[in-house]
C-alpha atoms as a PDB file:
ATOM      1  CA  MET A   1      44.212 -34.996  17.505  1.00  0.00           C
ATOM      2  CA  ASN A   2      44.524 -33.812  21.130  1.00  0.00           C
ATOM      3  CA  SER A   3      43.560 -36.185  23.900  1.00  0.00           C
ATOM      4  CA  GLY A   4      40.597 -33.979  25.099  1.00  0.00           C
ATOM      5  CA  TYR A   5      39.030 -34.019  21.673  1.00  0.00           C
ATOM      6  CA  LYS A   6      39.679 -37.773  21.390  1.00  0.00           C
ATOM      7  CA  THR A   7      37.903 -38.401  24.667  1.00  0.00           C
ATOM      8  CA  VAL A   8      34.922 -36.411  23.665  1.00  0.00           C
ATOM      9  CA  LEU A   9      34.768 -38.107  20.297  1.00  0.00           C
ATOM     10  CA  LEU A  10      35.059 -41.573  21.825  1.00  0.00           C
ATOM     11  CA  PHE A  11      32.489 -40.748  24.534  1.00  0.00           C
ATOM     12  CA  LEU A  12      30.111 -39.327  22.057  1.00  0.00           C
ATOM     13  CA  PHE A  13      30.240 -42.428  19.871  1.00  0.00           C
ATOM     14  CA  GLY A  14      30.356 -44.906  22.616  1.00  0.00           C
ATOM     15  CA  LEU A  15      33.685 -46.668  21.872  1.00  0.00           C
ATOM     16  CA  CYS A  16      35.903 -45.648  24.709  1.00  0.00           C
ATOM     17  CA  PRO A  17      36.985 -48.975  26.181  1.00  0.00           C
ATOM     18  CA  ALA A  18      36.279 -47.789  29.713  1.00  0.00           C
ATOM     19  CA  TYR A  19      32.607 -47.116  28.747  1.00  0.00           C
ATOM     20  CA  SER A  20      32.150 -50.059  26.325  1.00  0.00           C
ATOM     21  CA  SER A  21      29.724 -51.863  28.688  1.00  0.00           C
ATOM     22  CA  ALA A  22      27.727 -48.698  29.338  1.00  0.00           C
ATOM     23  CA  GLN A  23      24.880 -47.785  27.074  1.00  0.00           C
ATOM     24  CA  ILE A  24      25.844 -44.395  25.483  1.00  0.00           C
ATOM     25  CA  ALA A  25      23.485 -42.529  23.208  1.00  0.00           C
ATOM     26  CA  ALA A  26      24.371 -42.009  19.521  1.00  0.00           C
ATOM     27  CA  PRO A  27      24.796 -38.480  18.366  1.00  0.00           C
ATOM     28  CA  THR A  28      21.425 -37.027  17.340  1.00  0.00           C
ATOM     29  CA  ALA A  29      20.428 -36.200  13.734  1.00  0.00           C
ATOM     30  CA  GLU A  30      20.302 -32.455  14.701  1.00  0.00           C
ATOM     31  CA  GLN A  31      24.035 -32.710  16.030  1.00  0.00           C
ATOM     32  CA  MET A  32      25.027 -34.365  12.808  1.00  0.00           C
ATOM     33  CA  ILE A  33      23.222 -31.728  10.674  1.00  0.00           C
ATOM     34  CA  GLN A  34      25.074 -28.925  12.432  1.00  0.00           C
ATOM     35  CA  GLN A  35      28.389 -30.699  11.899  1.00  0.00           C
ATOM     36  CA  LEU A  36      27.812 -31.480   8.166  1.00  0.00           C
ATOM     37  CA  LYS A  37      26.093 -28.336   6.808  1.00  0.00           C
ATOM     38  CA  VAL A  38      28.096 -25.861   4.815  1.00  0.00           C
ATOM     39  CA  PRO A  39      28.472 -22.582   6.694  1.00  0.00           C
ATOM     40  CA  LYS A  40      26.662 -19.681   5.065  1.00  0.00           C
ATOM     41  CA  THR A  41      29.688 -17.434   5.624  1.00  0.00           C
ATOM     42  CA  ARG A  42      33.292 -18.541   6.079  1.00  0.00           C
ATOM     43  CA  GLY A  43      34.968 -17.413   9.356  1.00  0.00           C
ATOM     44  CA  LEU A  44      38.724 -17.065   9.864  1.00  0.00           C
ATOM     45  CA  ARG A  45      38.906 -20.717  11.180  1.00  0.00           C
ATOM     46  CA  ASN A  46      39.348 -22.137   7.684  1.00  0.00           C
ATOM     47  CA  LEU A  47      42.066 -19.706   6.556  1.00  0.00           C
ATOM     48  CA  SER A  48      45.747 -20.376   6.249  1.00  0.00           C
ATOM     49  CA  VAL A  49      48.716 -18.312   5.268  1.00  0.00           C
ATOM     50  CA  GLU A  50      50.488 -19.058   1.924  1.00  0.00           C
ATOM     51  CA  ALA A  51      53.213 -17.394  -0.125  1.00  0.00           C
ATOM     52  CA  THR A  52      51.842 -15.562  -3.189  1.00  0.00           C
ATOM     53  CA  SER A  53      54.826 -14.128  -4.848  1.00  0.00           C
ATOM     54  CA  SER A  54      56.122 -15.893  -7.929  1.00  0.00           C
ATOM     55  CA  LYS A  55      58.901 -13.199  -8.064  1.00  0.00           C
ATOM     56  CA  ALA A  56      60.726 -14.959  -5.214  1.00  0.00           C
ATOM     57  CA  ALA A  57      61.095 -18.150  -7.208  1.00  0.00           C
ATOM     58  CA  SER A  58      61.901 -16.599 -10.629  1.00  0.00           C
ATOM     59  CA  ASP A  59      63.990 -13.607  -9.469  1.00  0.00           C
ATOM     60  CA  SER A  60      67.494 -14.502  -8.278  1.00  0.00           C
ATOM     61  CA  SER A  61      67.933 -11.139  -6.587  1.00  0.00           C
ATOM     62  CA  ALA A  62      68.182 -10.710  -2.815  1.00  0.00           C
ATOM     63  CA  GLU A  63      64.468 -11.419  -2.016  1.00  0.00           C
ATOM     64  CA  THR A  64      64.104 -14.728  -0.163  1.00  0.00           C
ATOM     65  CA  ALA A  65      60.972 -16.845   0.429  1.00  0.00           C
ATOM     66  CA  ALA A  66      60.809 -15.413   3.935  1.00  0.00           C
ATOM     67  CA  ASP A  67      60.513 -11.969   2.376  1.00  0.00           C
ATOM     68  CA  ALA A  68      57.866 -13.003  -0.124  1.00  0.00           C
ATOM     69  CA  PRO A  69      54.400 -11.518   0.283  1.00  0.00           C
ATOM     70  CA  THR A  70      51.756 -13.750   1.856  1.00  0.00           C
ATOM     71  CA  ALA A  71      47.970 -13.925   1.672  1.00  0.00           C
ATOM     72  CA  LEU A  72      45.234 -15.537   3.572  1.00  0.00           C
ATOM     73  CA  VAL A  73      43.662 -18.388   1.579  1.00  0.00           C
ATOM     74  CA  ALA A  74      40.623 -20.466   2.428  1.00  0.00           C
ATOM     75  CA  SER A  75      41.364 -23.977   3.490  1.00  0.00           C
ATOM     76  CA  PRO A  76      39.861 -26.697   1.348  1.00  0.00           C
ATOM     77  CA  GLU A  77      38.382 -28.344   4.479  1.00  0.00           C
ATOM     78  CA  LYS A  78      34.872 -29.495   3.934  1.00  0.00           C
ATOM     79  CA  PRO A  79      32.329 -30.126   6.676  1.00  0.00           C
ATOM     80  CA  SER A  80      32.748 -33.616   7.969  1.00  0.00           C
ATOM     81  CA  LEU A  81      31.843 -36.027  10.755  1.00  0.00           C
ATOM     82  CA  SER A  82      33.742 -39.063  12.011  1.00  0.00           C
ATOM     83  CA  LEU A  83      31.720 -41.875  13.427  1.00  0.00           C
ATOM     84  CA  LEU A  84      33.281 -44.742  15.226  1.00  0.00           C
ATOM     85  CA  ILE A  85      30.993 -47.388  13.779  1.00  0.00           C
ATOM     86  CA  GLN A  86      31.450 -50.860  15.202  1.00  0.00           C
ATOM     87  CA  PHE A  87      31.758 -53.805  12.818  1.00  0.00           C
ATOM     88  CA  ASP A  88      32.126 -57.536  13.424  1.00  0.00           C
ATOM     89  CA  PHE A  89      35.827 -58.497  13.659  1.00  0.00           C
ATOM     90  CA  ASN A  90      37.445 -58.534  10.196  1.00  0.00           C
ATOM     91  CA  SER A  91      34.032 -57.957   8.615  1.00  0.00           C
ATOM     92  CA  ALA A  92      31.873 -55.203   7.006  1.00  0.00           C
ATOM     93  CA  ARG A  93      28.800 -56.259   9.051  1.00  0.00           C
ATOM     94  CA  VAL A  94      27.599 -53.271  11.072  1.00  0.00           C
ATOM     95  CA  ARG A  95      27.133 -54.259  14.738  1.00  0.00           C
ATOM     96  CA  PRO A  96      23.702 -53.576  16.269  1.00  0.00           C
ATOM     97  CA  GLU A  97      25.096 -51.008  18.757  1.00  0.00           C
ATOM     98  CA  SER A  98      26.032 -48.769  15.783  1.00  0.00           C
ATOM     99  CA  GLN A  99      22.690 -48.959  13.895  1.00  0.00           C
ATOM    100  CA  GLN A 100      21.086 -46.107  15.879  1.00  0.00           C
ATOM    101  CA  ALA A 101      23.981 -43.784  14.915  1.00  0.00           C
ATOM    102  CA  LEU A 102      23.436 -44.762  11.221  1.00  0.00           C
ATOM    103  CA  ALA A 103      19.730 -44.257  11.433  1.00  0.00           C
ATOM    104  CA  ASN A 104      20.314 -40.821  12.945  1.00  0.00           C
ATOM    105  CA  LEU A 105      22.762 -40.113  10.026  1.00  0.00           C
ATOM    106  CA  SER A 106      20.255 -41.175   7.472  1.00  0.00           C
ATOM    107  CA  GLN A 107      17.635 -38.811   9.080  1.00  0.00           C
ATOM    108  CA  ALA A 108      20.308 -35.942   9.055  1.00  0.00           C
ATOM    109  CA  LEU A 109      21.160 -36.495   5.366  1.00  0.00           C
ATOM    110  CA  GLN A 110      17.483 -36.405   4.455  1.00  0.00           C
ATOM    111  CA  SER A 111      16.907 -33.140   6.443  1.00  0.00           C
ATOM    112  CA  GLN A 112      16.015 -29.946   4.564  1.00  0.00           C
ATOM    113  CA  GLU A 113      19.443 -28.492   5.484  1.00  0.00           C
ATOM    114  CA  LEU A 114      21.363 -31.310   3.854  1.00  0.00           C
ATOM    115  CA  LEU A 115      18.953 -32.580   1.256  1.00  0.00           C
ATOM    116  CA  HIS A 116      20.701 -30.980  -1.739  1.00  0.00           C
ATOM    117  CA  SER A 117      24.238 -32.045  -0.667  1.00  0.00           C
ATOM    118  CA  ASN A 118      26.360 -35.010  -1.841  1.00  0.00           C
ATOM    119  CA  PHE A 119      28.498 -36.954   0.622  1.00  0.00           C
ATOM    120  CA  SER A 120      31.592 -39.095   0.589  1.00  0.00           C
ATOM    121  CA  ILE A 121      31.456 -42.141   2.905  1.00  0.00           C
ATOM    122  CA  GLU A 122      35.012 -42.855   3.816  1.00  0.00           C
ATOM    123  CA  GLY A 123      36.004 -46.137   5.513  1.00  0.00           C
ATOM    124  CA  HIS A 124      39.216 -45.987   7.599  1.00  0.00           C
ATOM    125  CA  THR A 125      41.131 -48.630   9.377  1.00  0.00           C
ATOM    126  CA  ASP A 126      44.021 -48.730  11.928  1.00  0.00           C
ATOM    127  CA  ALA A 127      47.491 -49.838  10.831  1.00  0.00           C
ATOM    128  CA  LYS A 128      47.130 -53.516  12.030  1.00  0.00           C
ATOM    129  CA  GLY A 129      47.474 -56.062   9.302  1.00  0.00           C
ATOM    130  CA  ARG A 130      48.520 -55.819   5.673  1.00  0.00           C
ATOM    131  CA  SER A 131      47.780 -52.595   3.832  1.00  0.00           C
ATOM    132  CA  ASP A 132      46.062 -54.355   0.958  1.00  0.00           C
ATOM    133  CA  GLN A 133      43.749 -56.106   3.235  1.00  0.00           C
ATOM    134  CA  ASN A 134      43.048 -52.831   5.238  1.00  0.00           C
ATOM    135  CA  GLN A 135      42.238 -51.109   1.955  1.00  0.00           C
ATOM    136  CA  LYS A 136      39.750 -53.860   0.922  1.00  0.00           C
ATOM    137  CA  LEU A 137      38.144 -53.955   4.347  1.00  0.00           C
ATOM    138  CA  SER A 138      37.799 -50.176   4.531  1.00  0.00           C
ATOM    139  CA  GLN A 139      36.106 -50.171   1.102  1.00  0.00           C
ATOM    140  CA  GLN A 140      33.733 -52.847   2.148  1.00  0.00           C
ATOM    141  CA  ARG A 141      32.874 -50.989   5.341  1.00  0.00           C
ATOM    142  CA  ALA A 142      32.284 -47.781   3.460  1.00  0.00           C
ATOM    143  CA  ASN A 143      30.035 -49.715   1.120  1.00  0.00           C
ATOM    144  CA  ALA A 144      28.119 -51.242   4.105  1.00  0.00           C
ATOM    145  CA  VAL A 145      27.472 -47.871   5.569  1.00  0.00           C
ATOM    146  CA  SER A 146      26.399 -46.479   2.164  1.00  0.00           C
ATOM    147  CA  ASP A 147      24.094 -49.501   1.653  1.00  0.00           C
ATOM    148  CA  PHE A 148      22.570 -48.932   5.113  1.00  0.00           C
ATOM    149  CA  LEU A 149      21.881 -45.195   4.325  1.00  0.00           C
ATOM    150  CA  LYS A 150      20.341 -46.141   0.925  1.00  0.00           C
ATOM    151  CA  LYS A 151      18.129 -48.777   2.624  1.00  0.00           C
ATOM    152  CA  TRP A 152      16.916 -45.965   5.042  1.00  0.00           C
ATOM    153  CA  GLY A 153      16.024 -43.679   2.154  1.00  0.00           C
ATOM    154  CA  VAL A 154      19.108 -41.677   1.173  1.00  0.00           C
ATOM    155  CA  ALA A 155      19.281 -41.459  -2.634  1.00  0.00           C
ATOM    156  CA  ASP A 156      22.347 -43.426  -3.932  1.00  0.00           C
ATOM    157  CA  THR A 157      23.200 -40.694  -6.313  1.00  0.00           C
ATOM    158  CA  ARG A 158      24.132 -38.504  -3.273  1.00  0.00           C
ATOM    159  CA  LEU A 159      26.640 -41.015  -1.820  1.00  0.00           C
ATOM    160  CA  VAL A 160      30.167 -42.035  -2.874  1.00  0.00           C
ATOM    161  CA  ALA A 161      31.772 -44.840  -0.822  1.00  0.00           C
ATOM    162  CA  THR A 162      35.605 -44.809  -0.616  1.00  0.00           C
ATOM    163  CA  GLY A 163      38.022 -46.999   1.252  1.00  0.00           C
ATOM    164  CA  LYS A 164      40.990 -45.233   2.741  1.00  0.00           C
ATOM    165  CA  GLY A 165      42.604 -48.095   4.619  1.00  0.00           C
ATOM    166  CA  ALA A 166      45.154 -46.772   7.093  1.00  0.00           C
ATOM    167  CA  ALA A 167      46.300 -43.892   4.833  1.00  0.00           C
ATOM    168  CA  GLU A 168      44.672 -41.096   6.886  1.00  0.00           C
ATOM    169  CA  LEU A 169      44.971 -41.900  10.544  1.00  0.00           C
ATOM    170  CA  ALA A 170      42.992 -39.888  13.011  1.00  0.00           C
ATOM    171  CA  ASN A 171      45.667 -40.580  15.678  1.00  0.00           C
ATOM    172  CA  THR A 172      49.041 -40.605  13.915  1.00  0.00           C
ATOM    173  CA  ALA A 173      50.803 -40.936  17.308  1.00  0.00           C
ATOM    174  CA  ASP A 174      49.212 -44.392  17.812  1.00  0.00           C
ATOM    175  CA  PRO A 175      48.546 -46.079  14.391  1.00  0.00           C
ATOM    176  CA  PHE A 176      46.735 -48.971  16.188  1.00  0.00           C
ATOM    177  CA  ALA A 177      44.399 -46.737  18.301  1.00  0.00           C
ATOM    178  CA  PRO A 178      40.631 -47.566  18.074  1.00  0.00           C
ATOM    179  CA  GLU A 179      39.776 -43.986  16.871  1.00  0.00           C
ATOM    180  CA  ASN A 180      41.575 -44.795  13.599  1.00  0.00           C
ATOM    181  CA  ARG A 181      38.859 -47.323  12.843  1.00  0.00           C
ATOM    182  CA  ARG A 182      36.078 -45.000  11.788  1.00  0.00           C
ATOM    183  CA  VAL A 183      33.694 -43.935   9.078  1.00  0.00           C
ATOM    184  CA  ARG A 184      34.015 -40.318   7.893  1.00  0.00           C
ATOM    185  CA  ILE A 185      31.213 -38.511   6.180  1.00  0.00           C
ATOM    186  CA  VAL A 186      32.241 -35.521   4.162  1.00  0.00           C
ATOM    187  CA  ASN A 187      29.869 -32.957   2.601  1.00  0.00           C
ATOM    188  CA  LEU A 188      31.165 -32.637  -0.931  1.00  0.00           C
ATOM    189  CA  ASP A 189      29.279 -29.459  -1.739  1.00  0.00           C
END
């Protein structure tokens, strides 16, 4: 993740330490809808190049992998949104300053554009502490966000809560960075 994106992400979600005392608005439901809805047509941004020749692997002639034909293949990326939700220390209790972001998320998930989609609620931690404890805490936090959304009217059949621990860091250059402690919402459709 580049530093410019990180700053925008942190600023949007109010967790940049330099701004922690400032009151920063949560992303709106409309911003979340735009981020989470499945595009009607796929552009080139989700394409990657992959080798498609099986001849290169099975034929021991002079053709190498570099000479193998390639094709553009759609990336499996699904629309997602990372929210830096604040929890009490070593707890799954959502802090009051994050409740507006979750209320906006529940409104977005119940919108006409997203009403028929299912979502994964992923809890992520930084690399501090033991991996088994991080896994357990991330699952509890994903469950807490899922429970919050259900309480605000999102059907439980549309949500799957998953703890990821520190397995998928947002900032691999700094495993202890605050942006690694996040909740990611992924449109599964």
